[in-house]
Every structure is written in structure tokens, then in C-alpha cells.
């Protein structure tokens, strides 16, 4: 699946993204807490799609990017959960599967 010349950014931390990744060419992994310090890495002349687990952190990231002058930026509403539900391409590494009763307690199996 191509993003038609756009940049696809996954904001999830590695513990969240190592198990299931968006299967999108050139996806860039920038954890949400590093986004502001890594703004120079994000081109302004290409569309930018921002994603996370469910679309909450990415929505805030889109607001940040827009406030800093990015004009063609979008949130992937529903994040990787809806992406997977819709049958869109994923890369899955079962050796990195997580367990835990809630997101705050996730750990590698």
C-alpha cells in the first residue's frame, strides 16, 4: 500500500510497534514524546499521515504540526487498531507479542 508520495509517521513507542507494524513503504517511527524535537526530520513539501494505536496521540501531533506550519497533514483516525480491523497490510512479529491487562501494563511475553 502506497501513501502516494506522502510520509507515514507511526508515533507508537517501540514496545507498542515492534509486534505489529503498518506495512507501508518508508514508514517512519517517531515516538510521540520525541516528535517536537524531531520536527526537522519531517518534510513540509509532502503530505504527512500521522498514526498511533487508536488515533489520540496522532490527533494531538497533527495539531502540533499544523501550529508549526505544516499544511498537508492528516490523522489516521482509529490508528493501527482500525487499520488491522479493516484488513489493511501489517507486518507481525509474533516473538514481540505483548501481554497485560491494560496498555499501562504491557510487557513482552
PDB file of N, CA and C in Angstrom:
ATOM      1  N   UNK A   1       0.855  -1.180   0.000  1.00  0.00           N
ATOM      2  CA  UNK A   1       0.000   0.000   0.000  1.00  0.00           C
ATOM      3  C   UNK A   1       0.892   1.231   0.000  1.00  0.00           C
ATOM      4  N   UNK A   2       0.713   2.070  -0.934  1.00  0.00           N
ATOM      5  CA  UNK A   2       1.487   3.304  -1.036  1.00  0.00           C
ATOM      6  C   UNK A   2       0.700   4.456  -0.430  1.00  0.00           C
ATOM      7  N   UNK A   3       1.400   5.462   0.008  1.00  0.00           N
ATOM      8  CA  UNK A   3       0.743   6.664   0.510  1.00  0.00           C
ATOM      9  C   UNK A   3       0.932   7.809  -0.473  1.00  0.00           C
ATOM     10  N   UNK A   4       1.115   7.462  -1.739  1.00  0.00           N
ATOM     11  CA  UNK A   4       1.185   8.423  -2.845  1.00  0.00           C
ATOM     12  C   UNK A   4       2.148   9.580  -2.589  1.00  0.00           C
ATOM     13  N   UNK A   5       3.384   9.247  -2.269  1.00  0.00           N
ATOM     14  CA  UNK A   5       4.405  10.258  -2.080  1.00  0.00           C
ATOM     15  C   UNK A   5       4.402  10.905  -0.723  1.00  0.00           C
ATOM     16  N   UNK A   6       3.453  10.540   0.114  1.00  0.00           N
ATOM     17  CA  UNK A   6       3.388  11.108   1.444  1.00  0.00           C
ATOM     18  C   UNK A   6       4.301  10.391   2.420  1.00  0.00           C
ATOM     19  N   UNK A   7       4.460  10.976   3.570  1.00  0.00           N
ATOM     20  CA  UNK A   7       5.239  10.387   4.646  1.00  0.00           C
ATOM     21  C   UNK A   7       4.274   9.855   5.689  1.00  0.00           C
ATOM     22  N   UNK A   8       4.440   8.620   6.072  1.00  0.00           N
ATOM     23  CA  UNK A   8       3.611   7.962   7.080  1.00  0.00           C
ATOM     24  C   UNK A   8       4.433   7.887   8.351  1.00  0.00           C
ATOM     25  N   UNK A   9       3.957   8.504   9.430  1.00  0.00           N
ATOM     26  CA  UNK A   9       4.675   8.526  10.704  1.00  0.00           C
ATOM     27  C   UNK A   9       3.888   7.734  11.736  1.00  0.00           C
ATOM     28  N   UNK A  10       4.560   6.778  12.374  1.00  0.00           N
ATOM     29  CA  UNK A  10       3.979   6.000  13.473  1.00  0.00           C
ATOM     30  C   UNK A  10       4.550   6.547  14.772  1.00  0.00           C
ATOM     31  N   UNK A  11       3.673   7.047  15.651  1.00  0.00           N
ATOM     32  CA  UNK A  11       4.087   7.678  16.897  1.00  0.00           C
ATOM     33  C   UNK A  11       4.238   6.708  18.061  1.00  0.00           C
ATOM     34  N   UNK A  12       3.930   5.447  17.845  1.00  0.00           N
ATOM     35  CA  UNK A  12       3.974   4.499  18.959  1.00  0.00           C
ATOM     36  C   UNK A  12       5.412   4.229  19.402  1.00  0.00           C
ATOM     37  N   UNK A  13       5.587   4.004  20.711  1.00  0.00           N
ATOM     38  CA  UNK A  13       6.886   3.600  21.233  1.00  0.00           C
ATOM     39  C   UNK A  13       7.217   2.216  20.692  1.00  0.00           C
ATOM     40  N   UNK A  14       8.486   1.855  20.716  1.00  0.00           N
ATOM     41  CA  UNK A  14       8.893   0.576  20.140  1.00  0.00           C
ATOM     42  C   UNK A  14       8.219  -0.613  20.811  1.00  0.00           C
ATOM     43  N   UNK A  15       7.948  -0.536  22.103  1.00  0.00           N
ATOM     44  CA  UNK A  15       7.278  -1.663  22.759  1.00  0.00           C
ATOM     45  C   UNK A  15       5.888  -1.890  22.161  1.00  0.00           C
ATOM     46  N   UNK A  16       5.264  -0.827  21.671  1.00  0.00           N
ATOM     47  CA  UNK A  16       3.952  -0.949  21.035  1.00  0.00           C
ATOM     48  C   UNK A  16       4.067  -1.348  19.564  1.00  0.00           C
ATOM     49  N   UNK A  17       5.072  -0.844  18.880  1.00  0.00           N
ATOM     50  CA  UNK A  17       5.140  -1.044  17.427  1.00  0.00           C
ATOM     51  C   UNK A  17       5.932  -2.266  16.994  1.00  0.00           C
ATOM     52  N   UNK A  18       6.758  -2.824  17.847  1.00  0.00           N
ATOM     53  CA  UNK A  18       7.578  -3.962  17.425  1.00  0.00           C
ATOM     54  C   UNK A  18       6.753  -5.188  17.057  1.00  0.00           C
ATOM     55  N   UNK A  19       5.636  -5.410  17.723  1.00  0.00           N
ATOM     56  CA  UNK A  19       4.806  -6.579  17.464  1.00  0.00           C
ATOM     57  C   UNK A  19       4.027  -6.447  16.157  1.00  0.00           C
ATOM     58  N   UNK A  20       3.329  -5.330  15.986  1.00  0.00           N
ATOM     59  CA  UNK A  20       2.560  -5.095  14.767  1.00  0.00           C
ATOM     60  C   UNK A  20       2.941  -3.743  14.204  1.00  0.00           C
ATOM     61  N   UNK A  21       3.362  -3.774  12.939  1.00  0.00           N
ATOM     62  CA  UNK A  21       3.766  -2.554  12.252  1.00  0.00           C
ATOM     63  C   UNK A  21       2.875  -2.337  11.035  1.00  0.00           C
ATOM     64  N   UNK A  22       2.671  -1.079  10.699  1.00  0.00           N
ATOM     65  CA  UNK A  22       1.999  -0.739   9.455  1.00  0.00           C
ATOM     66  C   UNK A  22       2.892  -1.213   8.311  1.00  0.00           C
ATOM     67  N   UNK A  23       2.345  -1.944   7.366  1.00  0.00           N
ATOM     68  CA  UNK A  23       3.122  -2.384   6.221  1.00  0.00           C
ATOM     69  C   UNK A  23       2.970  -1.339   5.114  1.00  0.00           C
ATOM     70  N   UNK A  24       3.663  -0.232   5.314  1.00  0.00           N
ATOM     71  CA  UNK A  24       3.631   0.914   4.411  1.00  0.00           C
ATOM     72  C   UNK A  24       5.078   1.241   4.050  1.00  0.00           C
ATOM     73  N   UNK A  25       5.390   1.340   2.764  1.00  0.00           N
ATOM     74  CA  UNK A  25       6.773   1.662   2.383  1.00  0.00           C
ATOM     75  C   UNK A  25       7.228   2.984   3.005  1.00  0.00           C
ATOM     76  N   UNK A  26       8.408   2.948   3.586  1.00  0.00           N
ATOM     77  CA  UNK A  26       9.011   4.169   4.107  1.00  0.00           C
ATOM     78  C   UNK A  26       8.399   4.710   5.383  1.00  0.00           C
ATOM     79  N   UNK A  27       7.594   3.913   6.086  1.00  0.00           N
ATOM     80  CA  UNK A  27       7.022   4.399   7.340  1.00  0.00           C
ATOM     81  C   UNK A  27       8.159   4.822   8.270  1.00  0.00           C
ATOM     82  N   UNK A  28       7.962   5.939   8.935  1.00  0.00           N
ATOM     83  CA  UNK A  28       8.975   6.448   9.852  1.00  0.00           C
ATOM     84  C   UNK A  28       8.437   6.347  11.273  1.00  0.00           C
ATOM     85  N   UNK A  29       9.266   5.849  12.176  1.00  0.00           N
ATOM     86  CA  UNK A  29       8.875   5.681  13.577  1.00  0.00           C
ATOM     87  C   UNK A  29       9.472   6.816  14.394  1.00  0.00           C
ATOM     88  N   UNK A  30       8.586   7.664  14.905  1.00  0.00           N
ATOM     89  CA  UNK A  30       8.993   8.786  15.752  1.00  0.00           C
ATOM     90  C   UNK A  30       8.080   8.733  16.971  1.00  0.00           C
ATOM     91  N   UNK A  31       8.571   8.245  18.116  1.00  0.00           N
ATOM     92  CA  UNK A  31       7.728   8.196  19.306  1.00  0.00           C
ATOM     93  C   UNK A  31       7.132   9.571  19.627  1.00  0.00           C
ATOM     94  N   UNK A  32       5.901   9.576  20.091  1.00  0.00           N
ATOM     95  CA  UNK A  32       5.173  10.823  20.345  1.00  0.00           C
ATOM     96  C   UNK A  32       5.959  11.783  21.228  1.00  0.00           C
ATOM     97  N   UNK A  33       6.649  11.251  22.241  1.00  0.00           N
ATOM     98  CA  UNK A  33       7.377  12.145  23.142  1.00  0.00           C
ATOM     99  C   UNK A  33       8.647  12.730  22.518  1.00  0.00           C
ATOM    100  N   UNK A  34       9.018  12.269  21.320  1.00  0.00           N
ATOM    101  CA  UNK A  34      10.177  12.817  20.607  1.00  0.00           C
ATOM    102  C   UNK A  34       9.776  13.707  19.434  1.00  0.00           C
ATOM    103  N   UNK A  35       8.490  13.770  19.141  1.00  0.00           N
ATOM    104  CA  UNK A  35       8.048  14.441  17.919  1.00  0.00           C
ATOM    105  C   UNK A  35       8.539  15.878  17.820  1.00  0.00           C
ATOM    106  N   UNK A  36       8.332  16.655  18.842  1.00  0.00           N
ATOM    107  CA  UNK A  36       8.690  18.077  18.749  1.00  0.00           C
ATOM    108  C   UNK A  36      10.185  18.272  18.516  1.00  0.00           C
ATOM    109  N   UNK A  37      11.008  17.459  19.160  1.00  0.00           N
ATOM    110  CA  UNK A  37      12.457  17.611  18.961  1.00  0.00           C
ATOM    111  C   UNK A  37      12.912  17.086  17.606  1.00  0.00           C
ATOM    112  N   UNK A  38      12.066  16.295  16.942  1.00  0.00           N
ATOM    113  CA  UNK A  38      12.447  15.712  15.659  1.00  0.00           C
ATOM    114  C   UNK A  38      11.705  16.339  14.470  1.00  0.00           C
ATOM    115  N   UNK A  39      11.076  17.483  14.696  1.00  0.00           N
ATOM    116  CA  UNK A  39      10.364  18.168  13.615  1.00  0.00           C
ATOM    117  C   UNK A  39      11.231  18.413  12.378  1.00  0.00           C
ATOM    118  N   UNK A  40      12.525  18.724  12.527  1.00  0.00           N
ATOM    119  CA  UNK A  40      13.337  18.952  11.328  1.00  0.00           C
ATOM    120  C   UNK A  40      13.411  17.736  10.385  1.00  0.00           C
ATOM    121  N   UNK A  41      13.099  16.542  10.878  1.00  0.00           N
ATOM    122  CA  UNK A  41      13.122  15.335  10.052  1.00  0.00           C
ATOM    123  C   UNK A  41      11.878  15.204   9.169  1.00  0.00           C
ATOM    124  N   UNK A  42      10.874  16.027   9.414  1.00  0.00           N
ATOM    125  CA  UNK A  42       9.589  15.881   8.724  1.00  0.00           C
ATOM    126  C   UNK A  42       9.504  16.908   7.600  1.00  0.00           C
ATOM    127  N   UNK A  43       9.430  16.422   6.363  1.00  0.00           N
ATOM    128  CA  UNK A  43       9.383  17.356   5.235  1.00  0.00           C
ATOM    129  C   UNK A  43       8.084  18.159   5.213  1.00  0.00           C
ATOM    130  N   UNK A  44       8.181  19.376   4.736  1.00  0.00           N
ATOM    131  CA  UNK A  44       6.998  20.234   4.614  1.00  0.00           C
ATOM    132  C   UNK A  44       6.397  20.181   3.211  1.00  0.00           C
ATOM    133  N   UNK A  45       7.131  19.574   2.270  1.00  0.00           N
ATOM    134  CA  UNK A  45       6.685  19.584   0.874  1.00  0.00           C
ATOM    135  C   UNK A  45       6.005  18.277   0.459  1.00  0.00           C
ATOM    136  N   UNK A  46       5.676  17.423   1.420  1.00  0.00           N
ATOM    137  CA  UNK A  46       4.986  16.165   1.145  1.00  0.00           C
ATOM    138  C   UNK A  46       3.809  16.030   2.099  1.00  0.00           C
ATOM    139  N   UNK A  47       2.770  15.331   1.681  1.00  0.00           N
ATOM    140  CA  UNK A  47       1.691  15.036   2.627  1.00  0.00           C
ATOM    141  C   UNK A  47       2.236  14.185   3.782  1.00  0.00           C
ATOM    142  N   UNK A  48       1.718  14.412   4.976  1.00  0.00           N
ATOM    143  CA  UNK A  48       2.145  13.664   6.158  1.00  0.00           C
ATOM    144  C   UNK A  48       0.908  13.024   6.780  1.00  0.00           C
ATOM    145  N   UNK A  49       0.987  11.716   7.020  1.00  0.00           N
ATOM    146  CA  UNK A  49      -0.070  10.974   7.706  1.00  0.00           C
ATOM    147  C   UNK A  49       0.512  10.513   9.030  1.00  0.00           C
ATOM    148  N   UNK A  50      -0.174  10.835  10.111  1.00  0.00           N
ATOM    149  CA  UNK A  50       0.317  10.515  11.442  1.00  0.00           C
ATOM    150  C   UNK A  50      -0.593   9.460  12.062  1.00  0.00           C
ATOM    151  N   UNK A  51       0.021   8.423  12.659  1.00  0.00           N
ATOM    152  CA  UNK A  51      -0.747   7.314  13.210  1.00  0.00           C
ATOM    153  C   UNK A  51      -0.199   6.907  14.578  1.00  0.00           C
ATOM    154  N   UNK A  52      -1.035   6.213  15.318  1.00  0.00           N
ATOM    155  CA  UNK A  52      -0.638   5.617  16.589  1.00  0.00           C
ATOM    156  C   UNK A  52      -1.511   4.387  16.822  1.00  0.00           C
ATOM    157  N   UNK A  53      -1.814   4.080  18.068  1.00  0.00           N
ATOM    158  CA  UNK A  53      -2.626   2.898  18.360  1.00  0.00           C
ATOM    159  C   UNK A  53      -4.095   3.099  18.012  1.00  0.00           C
ATOM    160  N   UNK A  54      -4.671   4.233  18.439  1.00  0.00           N
ATOM    161  CA  UNK A  54      -6.105   4.460  18.229  1.00  0.00           C
ATOM    162  C   UNK A  54      -6.443   5.827  17.662  1.00  0.00           C
ATOM    163  N   UNK A  55      -5.469   6.685  17.479  1.00  0.00           N
ATOM    164  CA  UNK A  55      -5.726   7.986  16.876  1.00  0.00           C
ATOM    165  C   UNK A  55      -5.762   9.154  17.835  1.00  0.00           C
ATOM    166  N   UNK A  56      -5.447   8.929  19.105  1.00  0.00           N
ATOM    167  CA  UNK A  56      -5.492  10.032  20.072  1.00  0.00           C
ATOM    168  C   UNK A  56      -4.201  10.848  20.083  1.00  0.00           C
ATOM    169  N   UNK A  57      -3.072  10.197  20.256  1.00  0.00           N
ATOM    170  CA  UNK A  57      -1.790  10.922  20.239  1.00  0.00           C
ATOM    171  C   UNK A  57      -1.541  11.516  18.860  1.00  0.00           C
ATOM    172  N   UNK A  58      -1.962  10.787  17.828  1.00  0.00           N
ATOM    173  CA  UNK A  58      -1.738  11.303  16.475  1.00  0.00           C
ATOM    174  C   UNK A  58      -2.584  12.540  16.203  1.00  0.00           C
ATOM    175  N   UNK A  59      -3.771  12.609  16.782  1.00  0.00           N
ATOM    176  CA  UNK A  59      -4.601  13.813  16.621  1.00  0.00           C
ATOM    177  C   UNK A  59      -3.880  15.016  17.225  1.00  0.00           C
ATOM    178  N   UNK A  60      -3.280  14.837  18.396  1.00  0.00           N
ATOM    179  CA  UNK A  60      -2.531  15.930  19.026  1.00  0.00           C
ATOM    180  C   UNK A  60      -1.290  16.282  18.200  1.00  0.00           C
ATOM    181  N   UNK A  61      -0.663  15.265  17.617  1.00  0.00           N
ATOM    182  CA  UNK A  61       0.514  15.515  16.782  1.00  0.00           C
ATOM    183  C   UNK A  61       0.148  16.332  15.547  1.00  0.00           C
ATOM    184  N   UNK A  62      -1.004  16.050  14.956  1.00  0.00           N
ATOM    185  CA  UNK A  62      -1.465  16.817  13.793  1.00  0.00           C
ATOM    186  C   UNK A  62      -1.671  18.277  14.189  1.00  0.00           C
ATOM    187  N   UNK A  63      -2.258  18.508  15.355  1.00  0.00           N
ATOM    188  CA  UNK A  63      -2.438  19.892  15.835  1.00  0.00           C
ATOM    189  C   UNK A  63      -1.088  20.579  16.002  1.00  0.00           C
ATOM    190  N   UNK A  64      -0.115  19.861  16.565  1.00  0.00           N
ATOM    191  CA  UNK A  64       1.222  20.433  16.751  1.00  0.00           C
ATOM    192  C   UNK A  64       1.843  20.781  15.403  1.00  0.00           C
ATOM    193  N   UNK A  65       1.807  19.835  14.473  1.00  0.00           N
ATOM    194  CA  UNK A  65       2.398  20.085  13.161  1.00  0.00           C
ATOM    195  C   UNK A  65       1.720  21.272  12.472  1.00  0.00           C
ATOM    196  N   UNK A  66       0.409  21.333  12.532  1.00  0.00           N
ATOM    197  CA  UNK A  66      -0.316  22.450  11.908  1.00  0.00           C
ATOM    198  C   UNK A  66       0.082  23.774  12.555  1.00  0.00           C
ATOM    199  N   UNK A  67       0.234  23.771  13.874  1.00  0.00           N
ATOM    200  CA  UNK A  67       0.614  25.010  14.566  1.00  0.00           C
ATOM    201  C   UNK A  67       2.031  25.453  14.217  1.00  0.00           C
ATOM    202  N   UNK A  68       2.854  24.515  13.748  1.00  0.00           N
ATOM    203  CA  UNK A  68       4.238  24.818  13.376  1.00  0.00           C
ATOM    204  C   UNK A  68       4.388  25.052  11.873  1.00  0.00           C
ATOM    205  N   UNK A  69       3.260  25.067  11.147  1.00  0.00           N
ATOM    206  CA  UNK A  69       3.318  25.449   9.742  1.00  0.00           C
ATOM    207  C   UNK A  69       3.128  24.347   8.715  1.00  0.00           C
ATOM    208  N   UNK A  70       2.976  23.107   9.132  1.00  0.00           N
ATOM    209  CA  UNK A  70       2.706  22.048   8.152  1.00  0.00           C
ATOM    210  C   UNK A  70       1.282  22.227   7.658  1.00  0.00           C
ATOM    211  N   UNK A  71       1.112  22.169   6.348  1.00  0.00           N
ATOM    212  CA  UNK A  71      -0.197  22.423   5.760  1.00  0.00           C
ATOM    213  C   UNK A  71      -0.910  21.164   5.292  1.00  0.00           C
ATOM    214  N   UNK A  72      -0.177  20.135   4.936  1.00  0.00           N
ATOM    215  CA  UNK A  72      -0.787  18.938   4.381  1.00  0.00           C
ATOM    216  C   UNK A  72      -0.522  17.758   5.310  1.00  0.00           C
ATOM    217  N   UNK A  73      -1.217  17.739   6.449  1.00  0.00           N
ATOM    218  CA  UNK A  73      -1.007  16.724   7.470  1.00  0.00           C
ATOM    219  C   UNK A  73      -2.357  16.159   7.899  1.00  0.00           C
ATOM    220  N   UNK A  74      -2.401  14.834   8.114  1.00  0.00           N
ATOM    221  CA  UNK A  74      -3.666  14.178   8.463  1.00  0.00           C
ATOM    222  C   UNK A  74      -3.448  13.140   9.556  1.00  0.00           C
ATOM    223  N   UNK A  75      -4.489  12.932  10.339  1.00  0.00           N
ATOM    224  CA  UNK A  75      -4.510  11.927  11.392  1.00  0.00           C
ATOM    225  C   UNK A  75      -5.132  10.642  10.848  1.00  0.00           C
ATOM    226  N   UNK A  76      -4.512   9.506  11.137  1.00  0.00           N
ATOM    227  CA  UNK A  76      -5.119   8.217  10.813  1.00  0.00           C
ATOM    228  C   UNK A  76      -6.053   7.868  11.967  1.00  0.00           C
ATOM    229  N   UNK A  77      -7.295   8.300  11.850  1.00  0.00           N
ATOM    230  CA  UNK A  77      -8.287   8.062  12.897  1.00  0.00           C
ATOM    231  C   UNK A  77      -8.465   6.563  13.109  1.00  0.00           C
ATOM    232  N   UNK A  78      -8.437   6.136  14.349  1.00  0.00           N
ATOM    233  CA  UNK A  78      -8.585   4.720  14.665  1.00  0.00           C
ATOM    234  C   UNK A  78      -7.264   3.983  14.763  1.00  0.00           C
ATOM    235  N   UNK A  79      -6.191   4.606  14.312  1.00  0.00           N
ATOM    236  CA  UNK A  79      -4.859   4.045  14.446  1.00  0.00           C
ATOM    237  C   UNK A  79      -4.707   2.642  13.894  1.00  0.00           C
ATOM    238  N   UNK A  80      -3.743   1.926  14.450  1.00  0.00           N
ATOM    239  CA  UNK A  80      -3.454   0.587  13.951  1.00  0.00           C
ATOM    240  C   UNK A  80      -4.583  -0.390  14.278  1.00  0.00           C
ATOM    241  N   UNK A  81      -5.370  -0.089  15.318  1.00  0.00           N
ATOM    242  CA  UNK A  81      -6.489  -0.987  15.644  1.00  0.00           C
ATOM    243  C   UNK A  81      -7.507  -1.032  14.517  1.00  0.00           C
ATOM    244  N   UNK A  82      -7.926   0.125  14.016  1.00  0.00           N
ATOM    245  CA  UNK A  82      -8.869   0.147  12.893  1.00  0.00           C
ATOM    246  C   UNK A  82      -8.201  -0.330  11.608  1.00  0.00           C
ATOM    247  N   UNK A  83      -6.925  -0.010  11.445  1.00  0.00           N
ATOM    248  CA  UNK A  83      -6.166  -0.455  10.278  1.00  0.00           C
ATOM    249  C   UNK A  83      -6.231  -1.980  10.176  1.00  0.00           C
ATOM    250  N   UNK A  84      -5.936  -2.636  11.291  1.00  0.00           N
ATOM    251  CA  UNK A  84      -5.975  -4.103  11.306  1.00  0.00           C
ATOM    252  C   UNK A  84      -7.402  -4.614  11.116  1.00  0.00           C
ATOM    253  N   UNK A  85      -8.351  -3.990  11.785  1.00  0.00           N
ATOM    254  CA  UNK A  85      -9.759  -4.385  11.661  1.00  0.00           C
ATOM    255  C   UNK A  85     -10.236  -4.305  10.213  1.00  0.00           C
ATOM    256  N   UNK A  86      -9.742  -3.319   9.484  1.00  0.00           N
ATOM    257  CA  UNK A  86     -10.138  -3.128   8.080  1.00  0.00           C
ATOM    258  C   UNK A  86      -9.353  -4.030   7.123  1.00  0.00           C
ATOM    259  N   UNK A  87      -8.467  -4.854   7.659  1.00  0.00           N
ATOM    260  CA  UNK A  87      -7.732  -5.799   6.827  1.00  0.00           C
ATOM    261  C   UNK A  87      -6.605  -5.188   6.018  1.00  0.00           C
ATOM    262  N   UNK A  88      -6.118  -4.033   6.435  1.00  0.00           N
ATOM    263  CA  UNK A  88      -5.018  -3.380   5.726  1.00  0.00           C
ATOM    264  C   UNK A  88      -3.693  -4.042   6.103  1.00  0.00           C
ATOM    265  N   UNK A  89      -2.660  -3.883   5.283  1.00  0.00           N
ATOM    266  CA  UNK A  89      -1.433  -4.664   5.463  1.00  0.00           C
ATOM    267  C   UNK A  89      -0.656  -4.342   6.742  1.00  0.00           C
ATOM    268  N   UNK A  90      -0.237  -5.424   7.400  1.00  0.00           N
ATOM    269  CA  UNK A  90       0.556  -5.355   8.625  1.00  0.00           C
ATOM    270  C   UNK A  90       1.775  -6.251   8.492  1.00  0.00           C
ATOM    271  N   UNK A  91       2.797  -5.912   9.247  1.00  0.00           N
ATOM    272  CA  UNK A  91       3.927  -6.803   9.463  1.00  0.00           C
ATOM    273  C   UNK A  91       3.835  -7.231  10.919  1.00  0.00           C
ATOM    274  N   UNK A  92       3.747  -8.531  11.163  1.00  0.00           N
ATOM    275  CA  UNK A  92       3.583  -9.052  12.513  1.00  0.00           C
ATOM    276  C   UNK A  92       4.794  -9.889  12.889  1.00  0.00           C
ATOM    277  N   UNK A  93       5.360  -9.598  14.057  1.00  0.00           N
ATOM    278  CA  UNK A  93       6.472 -10.372  14.601  1.00  0.00           C
ATOM    279  C   UNK A  93       5.976 -11.003  15.896  1.00  0.00           C
ATOM    280  N   UNK A  94       5.556 -12.268  15.824  1.00  0.00           N
ATOM    281  CA  UNK A  94       4.984 -12.936  16.991  1.00  0.00           C
ATOM    282  C   UNK A  94       5.946 -13.037  18.165  1.00  0.00           C
ATOM    283  N   UNK A  95       7.239 -12.955  17.904  1.00  0.00           N
ATOM    284  CA  UNK A  95       8.205 -13.009  19.006  1.00  0.00           C
ATOM    285  C   UNK A  95       8.165 -11.736  19.857  1.00  0.00           C
ATOM    286  N   UNK A  96       7.505 -10.689  19.361  1.00  0.00           N
ATOM    287  CA  UNK A  96       7.409  -9.410  20.088  1.00  0.00           C
ATOM    288  C   UNK A  96       6.008  -9.180  20.653  1.00  0.00           C
ATOM    289  N   UNK A  97       5.182 -10.229  20.674  1.00  0.00           N
ATOM    290  CA  UNK A  97       3.807 -10.105  21.154  1.00  0.00           C
ATOM    291  C   UNK A  97       3.795  -9.609  22.598  1.00  0.00           C
ATOM    292  N   UNK A  98       2.800  -8.788  22.901  1.00  0.00           N
ATOM    293  CA  UNK A  98       2.675  -8.194  24.226  1.00  0.00           C
ATOM    294  C   UNK A  98       1.584  -8.887  25.019  1.00  0.00           C
ATOM    295  N   UNK A  99       1.702  -8.782  26.331  1.00  0.00           N
ATOM    296  CA  UNK A  99       0.628  -9.257  27.197  1.00  0.00           C
ATOM    297  C   UNK A  99       0.457  -8.232  28.298  1.00  0.00           C
ATOM    298  N   UNK A 100      -0.702  -8.258  28.940  1.00  0.00           N
ATOM    299  CA  UNK A 100      -1.009  -7.322  30.013  1.00  0.00           C
ATOM    300  C   UNK A 100      -2.479  -7.004  30.000  1.00  0.00           C
ATOM    301  N   UNK A 101      -2.997  -6.627  31.155  1.00  0.00           N
ATOM    302  CA  UNK A 101      -4.431  -6.393  31.275  1.00  0.00           C
ATOM    303  C   UNK A 101      -4.865  -5.034  30.752  1.00  0.00           C
ATOM    304  N   UNK A 102      -3.933  -4.103  30.611  1.00  0.00           N
ATOM    305  CA  UNK A 102      -4.252  -2.790  30.042  1.00  0.00           C
ATOM    306  C   UNK A 102      -2.983  -2.214  29.430  1.00  0.00           C
ATOM    307  N   UNK A 103      -3.128  -1.166  28.672  1.00  0.00           N
ATOM    308  CA  UNK A 103      -1.981  -0.565  27.995  1.00  0.00           C
ATOM    309  C   UNK A 103      -0.885  -0.162  28.978  1.00  0.00           C
ATOM    310  N   UNK A 104      -1.253   0.277  30.158  1.00  0.00           N
ATOM    311  CA  UNK A 104      -0.262   0.728  31.126  1.00  0.00           C
ATOM    312  C   UNK A 104       0.577  -0.423  31.672  1.00  0.00           C
ATOM    313  N   UNK A 105       0.140  -1.654  31.435  1.00  0.00           N
ATOM    314  CA  UNK A 105       0.883  -2.812  31.954  1.00  0.00           C
ATOM    315  C   UNK A 105       1.435  -3.710  30.855  1.00  0.00           C
ATOM    316  N   UNK A 106       1.500  -3.215  29.650  1.00  0.00           N
ATOM    317  CA  UNK A 106       2.005  -4.026  28.560  1.00  0.00           C
ATOM    318  C   UNK A 106       3.441  -4.416  28.798  1.00  0.00           C
ATOM    319  N   UNK A 107       3.761  -5.634  28.433  1.00  0.00           N
ATOM    320  CA  UNK A 107       5.138  -6.120  28.516  1.00  0.00           C
ATOM    321  C   UNK A 107       5.300  -7.220  27.469  1.00  0.00           C
ATOM    322  N   UNK A 108       6.538  -7.468  27.122  1.00  0.00           N
ATOM    323  CA  UNK A 108       6.801  -8.531  26.169  1.00  0.00           C
ATOM    324  C   UNK A 108       6.529  -9.873  26.836  1.00  0.00           C
ATOM    325  N   UNK A 109       5.979 -10.808  26.059  1.00  0.00           N
ATOM    326  CA  UNK A 109       5.708 -12.150  26.587  1.00  0.00           C
ATOM    327  C   UNK A 109       6.975 -12.880  26.892  1.00  0.00           C
TER     328      UNK A 109
END
